[in-house]
Amino acid sequence: MENLNMAPPGPKGPFSENWLVEAILVTLLCCLPFGVVGIIFAAQVNTKQQAGDMEGAEKSRKEAAKWTKIGFWVGLGCIVLYLLFWLVFGVAILGGAASMNR
């Protein structure tokens, strides 16, 4: 008798994190260019795993992680510099206004 395996073909190894959610969040909240690169690599992970290319999937996963982390830190740095600029600018304006009232 035949062995009827009704399970769909899937990956031949364990799924690894593909960084897609993180890359999307970085794109929306932090740094658009690096986040898009992270999304591109993250989208390749599952496709390569399902095709049986575990080495390629792991390489894409590492690239997605790298670009997502770069985007996060660059975006965070830009936000901090932006806030610092307005803090210094505000203090300078208030200081100038206070010296004019004397």
C-alpha atoms as a PDB file:
ATOM      1  CA  MET A   1       0.000   0.000   0.000  1.00  0.00           C
ATOM      2  CA  GLU A   2       1.209   3.517  -0.784  1.00  0.00           C
ATOM      3  CA  ASN A   3       2.264   5.932   1.885  1.00  0.00           C
ATOM      4  CA  LEU A   4      -0.005   8.951   1.395  1.00  0.00           C
ATOM      5  CA  ASN A   5       1.641  11.905   3.001  1.00  0.00           C
ATOM      6  CA  MET A   6      -0.784  14.807   2.774  1.00  0.00           C
ATOM      7  CA  ALA A   7       1.551  17.346   4.362  1.00  0.00           C
ATOM      8  CA  PRO A   8       2.538  20.160   2.001  1.00  0.00           C
ATOM      9  CA  PRO A   9       6.176  20.437   1.019  1.00  0.00           C
ATOM     10  CA  GLY A  10       7.958  22.684   3.411  1.00  0.00           C
ATOM     11  CA  PRO A  11      11.374  23.626   4.607  1.00  0.00           C
ATOM     12  CA  LYS A  12      13.854  20.891   5.197  1.00  0.00           C
ATOM     13  CA  GLY A  13      15.242  22.436   8.352  1.00  0.00           C
ATOM     14  CA  PRO A  14      14.089  24.443  11.338  1.00  0.00           C
ATOM     15  CA  PHE A  15      12.693  27.896  10.766  1.00  0.00           C
ATOM     16  CA  SER A  16      14.913  30.677  11.933  1.00  0.00           C
ATOM     17  CA  GLU A  17      13.828  34.182  12.740  1.00  0.00           C
ATOM     18  CA  ASN A  18      13.587  36.136   9.506  1.00  0.00           C
ATOM     19  CA  TRP A  19      13.639  39.679  11.016  1.00  0.00           C
ATOM     20  CA  LEU A  20      10.700  40.812   8.864  1.00  0.00           C
ATOM     21  CA  VAL A  21       8.646  42.362  11.669  1.00  0.00           C
ATOM     22  CA  GLU A  22      11.656  44.178  13.085  1.00  0.00           C
ATOM     23  CA  ALA A  23      12.678  45.454   9.642  1.00  0.00           C
ATOM     24  CA  ILE A  24       9.167  46.801   9.013  1.00  0.00           C
ATOM     25  CA  LEU A  25       9.146  48.580  12.383  1.00  0.00           C
ATOM     26  CA  VAL A  26      12.575  50.099  11.735  1.00  0.00           C
ATOM     27  CA  THR A  27      11.374  51.264   8.316  1.00  0.00           C
ATOM     28  CA  LEU A  28       8.284  52.934   9.762  1.00  0.00           C
ATOM     29  CA  LEU A  29       9.771  54.357  12.958  1.00  0.00           C
ATOM     30  CA  CYS A  30      13.500  54.869  12.546  1.00  0.00           C
ATOM     31  CA  CYS A  31      15.332  54.851   9.253  1.00  0.00           C
ATOM     32  CA  LEU A  32      13.591  54.241   5.924  1.00  0.00           C
ATOM     33  CA  PRO A  33      16.566  53.348   3.655  1.00  0.00           C
ATOM     34  CA  PHE A  34      18.179  50.779   5.952  1.00  0.00           C
ATOM     35  CA  GLY A  35      14.796  49.369   6.921  1.00  0.00           C
ATOM     36  CA  VAL A  36      13.899  48.727   3.279  1.00  0.00           C
ATOM     37  CA  VAL A  37      17.155  46.828   2.765  1.00  0.00           C
ATOM     38  CA  GLY A  38      16.335  44.805   5.892  1.00  0.00           C
ATOM     39  CA  ILE A  39      12.861  44.011   4.517  1.00  0.00           C
ATOM     40  CA  ILE A  40      14.318  42.813   1.211  1.00  0.00           C
ATOM     41  CA  PHE A  41      16.710  40.399   2.914  1.00  0.00           C
ATOM     42  CA  ALA A  42      14.100  39.295   5.459  1.00  0.00           C
ATOM     43  CA  ALA A  43      11.647  38.454   2.691  1.00  0.00           C
ATOM     44  CA  GLN A  44      14.222  36.132   1.132  1.00  0.00           C
ATOM     45  CA  VAL A  45      14.673  33.967   4.244  1.00  0.00           C
ATOM     46  CA  ASN A  46      11.464  31.892   4.105  1.00  0.00           C
ATOM     47  CA  THR A  47      11.604  31.542   0.321  1.00  0.00           C
ATOM     48  CA  LYS A  48      15.134  30.171   0.447  1.00  0.00           C
ATOM     49  CA  GLN A  49      14.265  27.837   3.338  1.00  0.00           C
ATOM     50  CA  GLN A  50      11.288  26.410   1.473  1.00  0.00           C
ATOM     51  CA  ALA A  51      13.488  25.849  -1.567  1.00  0.00           C
ATOM     52  CA  GLY A  52      15.926  23.918   0.615  1.00  0.00           C
ATOM     53  CA  ASP A  53      18.702  26.513   0.415  1.00  0.00           C
ATOM     54  CA  MET A  54      19.560  26.617   4.117  1.00  0.00           C
ATOM     55  CA  GLU A  55      22.913  28.284   3.556  1.00  0.00           C
ATOM     56  CA  GLY A  56      21.330  31.050   1.492  1.00  0.00           C
ATOM     57  CA  ALA A  57      18.520  31.450   4.037  1.00  0.00           C
ATOM     58  CA  GLU A  58      21.020  31.840   6.858  1.00  0.00           C
ATOM     59  CA  LYS A  59      23.017  34.391   4.860  1.00  0.00           C
ATOM     60  CA  SER A  60      19.844  36.392   4.108  1.00  0.00           C
ATOM     61  CA  ARG A  61      18.824  36.177   7.784  1.00  0.00           C
ATOM     62  CA  LYS A  62      22.198  37.565   8.888  1.00  0.00           C
ATOM     63  CA  GLU A  63      22.021  40.372   6.324  1.00  0.00           C
ATOM     64  CA  ALA A  64      18.464  41.230   7.400  1.00  0.00           C
ATOM     65  CA  ALA A  65      19.573  41.334  11.036  1.00  0.00           C
ATOM     66  CA  LYS A  66      22.579  43.498  10.178  1.00  0.00           C
ATOM     67  CA  TRP A  67      20.644  46.087   8.167  1.00  0.00           C
ATOM     68  CA  THR A  68      17.774  46.180  10.632  1.00  0.00           C
ATOM     69  CA  LYS A  69      20.155  46.833  13.523  1.00  0.00           C
ATOM     70  CA  ILE A  70      22.044  49.485  11.537  1.00  0.00           C
ATOM     71  CA  GLY A  71      18.753  51.184  10.689  1.00  0.00           C
ATOM     72  CA  PHE A  72      17.651  51.102  14.324  1.00  0.00           C
ATOM     73  CA  TRP A  73      20.840  52.658  15.676  1.00  0.00           C
ATOM     74  CA  VAL A  74      21.129  55.261  12.904  1.00  0.00           C
ATOM     75  CA  GLY A  75      17.488  56.220  13.378  1.00  0.00           C
ATOM     76  CA  LEU A  76      17.853  56.395  17.143  1.00  0.00           C
ATOM     77  CA  GLY A  77      20.979  58.529  16.776  1.00  0.00           C
ATOM     78  CA  CYS A  78      19.194  60.927  14.426  1.00  0.00           C
ATOM     79  CA  ILE A  79      16.266  61.249  16.818  1.00  0.00           C
ATOM     80  CA  VAL A  80      18.611  61.983  19.741  1.00  0.00           C
ATOM     81  CA  LEU A  81      20.531  64.576  17.693  1.00  0.00           C
ATOM     82  CA  TYR A  82      17.265  66.169  16.583  1.00  0.00           C
ATOM     83  CA  LEU A  83      16.019  66.468  20.161  1.00  0.00           C
ATOM     84  CA  LEU A  84      19.400  67.741  21.328  1.00  0.00           C
ATOM     85  CA  PHE A  85      19.402  70.388  18.588  1.00  0.00           C
ATOM     86  CA  TRP A  86      15.992  71.700  19.636  1.00  0.00           C
ATOM     87  CA  LEU A  87      16.977  71.640  23.303  1.00  0.00           C
ATOM     88  CA  VAL A  88      20.105  73.712  22.642  1.00  0.00           C
ATOM     89  CA  PHE A  89      18.214  75.986  20.235  1.00  0.00           C
ATOM     90  CA  GLY A  90      15.464  76.527  22.805  1.00  0.00           C
ATOM     91  CA  VAL A  91      17.938  77.349  25.563  1.00  0.00           C
ATOM     92  CA  ALA A  92      19.724  79.802  23.248  1.00  0.00           C
ATOM     93  CA  ILE A  93      16.458  81.523  22.344  1.00  0.00           C
ATOM     94  CA  LEU A  94      15.340  81.719  25.971  1.00  0.00           C
ATOM     95  CA  GLY A  95      18.767  82.957  27.050  1.00  0.00           C
ATOM     96  CA  GLY A  96      18.756  85.633  24.363  1.00  0.00           C
ATOM     97  CA  ALA A  97      15.255  86.751  25.328  1.00  0.00           C
ATOM     98  CA  ALA A  98      16.202  86.923  29.001  1.00  0.00           C
ATOM     99  CA  SER A  99      19.277  89.088  28.304  1.00  0.00           C
ATOM    100  CA  MET A 100      17.180  91.533  26.228  1.00  0.00           C
ATOM    101  CA  ASN A 101      14.818  92.128  29.178  1.00  0.00           C
ATOM    102  CA  ARG A 102      17.586  93.375  31.469  1.00  0.00           C
END
